[in-house]
Amino acid sequence: MKCIYCGNDRTEVVETRESNNGTVTRRRRECSVCSRRFTTYEKAEKYDLVVVKKSGATEDFDKEKIRESLFKACKGQDITDLTILKLTDQIEQDLLLGKKPQIETKDIARLILRKLHDLDEVAFIRFASYQFHVDSIGDLEELKEKAMKEIF
């Protein structure tokens, strides 16, 4: 690994640590020429998971879309950013463990709803109301019942 400061190609690893449930290796390196330290991250290349949208169109899986949806659903709730990031990682891991090359958006939504149901009721309702296109307050109780049937 080249030094990011002086470009020297002789650096040594001084510390290694696993993070993100063992999916990322963090390494502290030191340059043998300028003695400066920097951090690198090693992560396995991603899989080919394809998402099938309601329209039938397909697109590559994008973990960031899930993260953004969770942040929106949890906004204003007593849920830390770290909790949301961990939840995003859990959802991604669950999808990978399914070992299906294609997954429908409704199946991803069900998984997210199951996780949110255990985490926070308001975030659950917010996500479900977006997912099931709620137009009025009167539909909320019906929405909760429908969402519960969908995920369990």
C-alpha atoms as a PDB file:
ATOM      1  CA  MET A   1       0.000   0.000   0.000  1.00  0.00           C
ATOM      2  CA  LYS A   2       1.402   3.376  -0.982  1.00  0.00           C
ATOM      3  CA  CYS A   3       1.718   6.128   1.602  1.00  0.00           C
ATOM      4  CA  ILE A   4      -1.005   8.718   1.030  1.00  0.00           C
ATOM      5  CA  TYR A   5       1.381  11.494   2.107  1.00  0.00           C
ATOM      6  CA  CYS A   6       4.689  10.829   0.320  1.00  0.00           C
ATOM      7  CA  GLY A   7       3.795   8.083  -2.184  1.00  0.00           C
ATOM      8  CA  ASN A   8       6.342   5.603  -0.826  1.00  0.00           C
ATOM      9  CA  ASP A   9       5.251   2.028  -1.541  1.00  0.00           C
ATOM     10  CA  ARG A  10       6.721   0.597   1.673  1.00  0.00           C
ATOM     11  CA  THR A  11       4.273   0.849   4.546  1.00  0.00           C
ATOM     12  CA  GLU A  12       3.706  -1.518   7.403  1.00  0.00           C
ATOM     13  CA  VAL A  13       0.575  -2.460   9.285  1.00  0.00           C
ATOM     14  CA  VAL A  14       0.812  -1.411  12.947  1.00  0.00           C
ATOM     15  CA  GLU A  15      -2.738  -2.329  14.013  1.00  0.00           C
ATOM     16  CA  THR A  16      -5.604  -4.387  12.572  1.00  0.00           C
ATOM     17  CA  ARG A  17      -9.194  -4.351  13.773  1.00  0.00           C
ATOM     18  CA  GLU A  18     -12.441  -5.889  12.522  1.00  0.00           C
ATOM     19  CA  SER A  19     -15.546  -3.712  12.244  1.00  0.00           C
ATOM     20  CA  ASN A  20     -19.112  -3.819  10.855  1.00  0.00           C
ATOM     21  CA  ASN A  21     -19.762  -7.322  12.201  1.00  0.00           C
ATOM     22  CA  GLY A  22     -16.515  -8.614  10.724  1.00  0.00           C
ATOM     23  CA  THR A  23     -17.274  -7.475   7.179  1.00  0.00           C
ATOM     24  CA  VAL A  24     -14.624  -4.722   7.148  1.00  0.00           C
ATOM     25  CA  THR A  25     -10.998  -4.849   8.254  1.00  0.00           C
ATOM     26  CA  ARG A  26      -9.528  -1.574   9.480  1.00  0.00           C
ATOM     27  CA  ARG A  27      -5.744  -1.269   9.300  1.00  0.00           C
ATOM     28  CA  ARG A  28      -3.492   1.449  10.729  1.00  0.00           C
ATOM     29  CA  ARG A  29      -0.389   1.782   8.578  1.00  0.00           C
ATOM     30  CA  GLU A  30       2.877   3.613   9.022  1.00  0.00           C
ATOM     31  CA  CYS A  31       5.152   4.807   6.222  1.00  0.00           C
ATOM     32  CA  SER A  32       8.752   3.637   6.509  1.00  0.00           C
ATOM     33  CA  VAL A  33      10.009   6.883   4.870  1.00  0.00           C
ATOM     34  CA  CYS A  34       7.980   9.792   6.327  1.00  0.00           C
ATOM     35  CA  SER A  35       6.748   7.917   9.461  1.00  0.00           C
ATOM     36  CA  ARG A  36       3.213   9.277   9.073  1.00  0.00           C
ATOM     37  CA  ARG A  37       0.259   7.040   9.853  1.00  0.00           C
ATOM     38  CA  PHE A  38      -2.969   6.538   7.964  1.00  0.00           C
ATOM     39  CA  THR A  39      -5.934   4.184   8.019  1.00  0.00           C
ATOM     40  CA  THR A  40      -7.108   1.825   5.289  1.00  0.00           C
ATOM     41  CA  TYR A  41     -10.252  -0.290   5.113  1.00  0.00           C
ATOM     42  CA  GLU A  42     -10.524  -3.685   3.472  1.00  0.00           C
ATOM     43  CA  LYS A  43     -13.936  -4.947   2.410  1.00  0.00           C
ATOM     44  CA  ALA A  44     -14.987  -7.882   0.276  1.00  0.00           C
ATOM     45  CA  GLU A  45     -16.395  -6.967  -3.097  1.00  0.00           C
ATOM     46  CA  LYS A  46     -20.143  -6.927  -3.198  1.00  0.00           C
ATOM     47  CA  TYR A  47     -22.439  -9.559  -4.606  1.00  0.00           C
ATOM     48  CA  ASP A  48     -24.715  -9.169  -7.556  1.00  0.00           C
ATOM     49  CA  LEU A  49     -28.076  -8.623  -5.909  1.00  0.00           C
ATOM     50  CA  VAL A  50     -30.757  -7.249  -8.203  1.00  0.00           C
ATOM     51  CA  VAL A  51     -33.908  -5.514  -6.997  1.00  0.00           C
ATOM     52  CA  VAL A  52     -37.131  -6.078  -8.944  1.00  0.00           C
ATOM     53  CA  LYS A  53     -39.317  -2.988  -8.705  1.00  0.00           C
ATOM     54  CA  LYS A  54     -43.140  -2.950  -8.761  1.00  0.00           C
ATOM     55  CA  SER A  55     -43.062  -1.973 -12.435  1.00  0.00           C
ATOM     56  CA  GLY A  56     -40.968  -5.048 -13.251  1.00  0.00           C
ATOM     57  CA  ALA A  57     -37.856  -2.960 -13.921  1.00  0.00           C
ATOM     58  CA  THR A  58     -34.648  -4.108 -12.268  1.00  0.00           C
ATOM     59  CA  GLU A  59     -31.755  -2.249 -10.685  1.00  0.00           C
ATOM     60  CA  ASP A  60     -28.691  -3.119  -8.630  1.00  0.00           C
ATOM     61  CA  PHE A  61     -29.211  -3.292  -4.890  1.00  0.00           C
ATOM     62  CA  ASP A  62     -28.303  -0.005  -3.189  1.00  0.00           C
ATOM     63  CA  LYS A  63     -27.844  -0.154   0.575  1.00  0.00           C
ATOM     64  CA  GLU A  64     -27.883   3.649   0.741  1.00  0.00           C
ATOM     65  CA  LYS A  65     -31.548   3.717  -0.310  1.00  0.00           C
ATOM     66  CA  ILE A  66     -32.428   1.610   2.715  1.00  0.00           C
ATOM     67  CA  ARG A  67     -30.323   3.804   4.985  1.00  0.00           C
ATOM     68  CA  GLU A  68     -32.005   6.968   3.685  1.00  0.00           C
ATOM     69  CA  SER A  69     -35.479   5.442   4.152  1.00  0.00           C
ATOM     70  CA  LEU A  70     -34.641   4.456   7.711  1.00  0.00           C
ATOM     71  CA  PHE A  71     -33.335   7.935   8.528  1.00  0.00           C
ATOM     72  CA  LYS A  72     -36.568   9.465   7.195  1.00  0.00           C
ATOM     73  CA  ALA A  73     -38.767   7.024   9.118  1.00  0.00           C
ATOM     74  CA  CYS A  74     -36.802   7.521  12.352  1.00  0.00           C
ATOM     75  CA  LYS A  75     -36.456  11.309  12.115  1.00  0.00           C
ATOM     76  CA  GLY A  76     -37.330  12.991  15.396  1.00  0.00           C
ATOM     77  CA  GLN A  77     -37.430   9.718  17.305  1.00  0.00           C
ATOM     78  CA  ASP A  78     -34.999   8.793  20.071  1.00  0.00           C
ATOM     79  CA  ILE A  79     -32.975   6.572  17.736  1.00  0.00           C
ATOM     80  CA  THR A  80     -29.263   7.167  17.248  1.00  0.00           C
ATOM     81  CA  ASP A  81     -27.565   7.362  13.872  1.00  0.00           C
ATOM     82  CA  LEU A  82     -25.433   4.397  14.913  1.00  0.00           C
ATOM     83  CA  THR A  83     -28.573   2.325  15.564  1.00  0.00           C
ATOM     84  CA  ILE A  84     -29.856   3.176  12.080  1.00  0.00           C
ATOM     85  CA  LEU A  85     -26.517   2.277  10.487  1.00  0.00           C
ATOM     86  CA  LYS A  86     -26.437  -1.051  12.352  1.00  0.00           C
ATOM     87  CA  LEU A  87     -30.027  -1.741  11.306  1.00  0.00           C
ATOM     88  CA  THR A  88     -29.096  -1.018   7.688  1.00  0.00           C
ATOM     89  CA  ASP A  89     -26.201  -3.491   7.959  1.00  0.00           C
ATOM     90  CA  GLN A  90     -28.519  -6.119   9.491  1.00  0.00           C
ATOM     91  CA  ILE A  91     -31.012  -5.730   6.662  1.00  0.00           C
ATOM     92  CA  GLU A  92     -28.248  -6.046   4.073  1.00  0.00           C
ATOM     93  CA  GLN A  93     -26.916  -9.168   5.823  1.00  0.00           C
ATOM     94  CA  ASP A  94     -30.404 -10.714   5.928  1.00  0.00           C
ATOM     95  CA  LEU A  95     -30.795 -10.106   2.198  1.00  0.00           C
ATOM     96  CA  LEU A  96     -27.417 -11.692   1.512  1.00  0.00           C
ATOM     97  CA  LEU A  97     -28.255 -14.714   3.642  1.00  0.00           C
ATOM     98  CA  GLY A  98     -31.362 -15.222   1.522  1.00  0.00           C
ATOM     99  CA  LYS A  99     -28.973 -16.138  -1.317  1.00  0.00           C
ATOM    100  CA  LYS A 100     -31.445 -15.050  -3.975  1.00  0.00           C
ATOM    101  CA  PRO A 101     -29.939 -13.230  -6.956  1.00  0.00           C
ATOM    102  CA  GLN A 102     -33.114 -11.142  -7.282  1.00  0.00           C
ATOM    103  CA  ILE A 103     -35.394  -9.719  -4.624  1.00  0.00           C
ATOM    104  CA  GLU A 104     -38.620  -7.784  -4.992  1.00  0.00           C
ATOM    105  CA  THR A 105     -39.011  -4.353  -3.404  1.00  0.00           C
ATOM    106  CA  LYS A 106     -42.021  -5.612  -1.427  1.00  0.00           C
ATOM    107  CA  ASP A 107     -39.829  -8.279   0.210  1.00  0.00           C
ATOM    108  CA  ILE A 108     -37.264  -5.651   1.177  1.00  0.00           C
ATOM    109  CA  ALA A 109     -40.077  -3.491   2.586  1.00  0.00           C
ATOM    110  CA  ARG A 110     -41.395  -6.433   4.645  1.00  0.00           C
ATOM    111  CA  LEU A 111     -37.952  -6.995   6.115  1.00  0.00           C
ATOM    112  CA  ILE A 112     -37.591  -3.288   6.960  1.00  0.00           C
ATOM    113  CA  LEU A 113     -41.053  -3.265   8.549  1.00  0.00           C
ATOM    114  CA  ARG A 114     -40.195  -6.282  10.730  1.00  0.00           C
ATOM    115  CA  LYS A 115     -37.051  -4.532  11.957  1.00  0.00           C
ATOM    116  CA  LEU A 116     -38.846  -1.216  12.570  1.00  0.00           C
ATOM    117  CA  HIS A 117     -41.706  -2.942  14.388  1.00  0.00           C
ATOM    118  CA  ASP A 118     -39.224  -4.167  16.989  1.00  0.00           C
ATOM    119  CA  LEU A 119     -37.419  -0.814  17.150  1.00  0.00           C
ATOM    120  CA  ASP A 120     -39.996   2.005  17.208  1.00  0.00           C
ATOM    121  CA  GLU A 121     -43.736   2.136  16.561  1.00  0.00           C
ATOM    122  CA  VAL A 122     -43.718   5.648  15.100  1.00  0.00           C
ATOM    123  CA  ALA A 123     -40.907   4.806  12.668  1.00  0.00           C
ATOM    124  CA  PHE A 124     -42.821   1.637  11.749  1.00  0.00           C
ATOM    125  CA  ILE A 125     -45.992   3.634  10.971  1.00  0.00           C
ATOM    126  CA  ARG A 126     -44.058   6.274   9.013  1.00  0.00           C
ATOM    127  CA  PHE A 127     -42.376   3.690   6.817  1.00  0.00           C
ATOM    128  CA  ALA A 128     -45.577   1.681   6.376  1.00  0.00           C
ATOM    129  CA  SER A 129     -47.574   4.809   5.483  1.00  0.00           C
ATOM    130  CA  TYR A 130     -45.116   5.586   2.713  1.00  0.00           C
ATOM    131  CA  GLN A 131     -44.921   1.966   1.549  1.00  0.00           C
ATOM    132  CA  PHE A 132     -48.705   1.477   1.451  1.00  0.00           C
ATOM    133  CA  HIS A 133     -49.554   5.002   0.212  1.00  0.00           C
ATOM    134  CA  VAL A 134     -51.728   6.335   3.026  1.00  0.00           C
ATOM    135  CA  ASP A 135     -53.765   9.370   1.975  1.00  0.00           C
ATOM    136  CA  SER A 136     -55.640  10.222   5.180  1.00  0.00           C
ATOM    137  CA  ILE A 137     -55.394   9.931   8.953  1.00  0.00           C
ATOM    138  CA  GLY A 138     -58.426   7.656   8.967  1.00  0.00           C
ATOM    139  CA  ASP A 139     -56.424   5.031   7.093  1.00  0.00           C
ATOM    140  CA  LEU A 140     -53.752   4.720   9.821  1.00  0.00           C
ATOM    141  CA  GLU A 141     -55.403   1.970  11.894  1.00  0.00           C
ATOM    142  CA  GLU A 142     -56.204   0.002   8.763  1.00  0.00           C
ATOM    143  CA  LEU A 143     -52.614   0.557   7.651  1.00  0.00           C
ATOM    144  CA  LYS A 144     -51.222  -0.866  10.868  1.00  0.00           C
ATOM    145  CA  GLU A 145     -53.336  -4.009  10.508  1.00  0.00           C
ATOM    146  CA  LYS A 146     -52.380  -4.384   6.845  1.00  0.00           C
ATOM    147  CA  ALA A 147     -48.695  -3.882   7.600  1.00  0.00           C
ATOM    148  CA  MET A 148     -48.789  -6.411  10.411  1.00  0.00           C
ATOM    149  CA  LYS A 149     -50.366  -8.996   8.112  1.00  0.00           C
ATOM    150  CA  GLU A 150     -47.743  -8.267   5.454  1.00  0.00           C
ATOM    151  CA  ILE A 151     -44.748  -8.790   7.722  1.00  0.00           C
ATOM    152  CA  PHE A 152     -45.848 -11.652   9.981  1.00  0.00           C
END
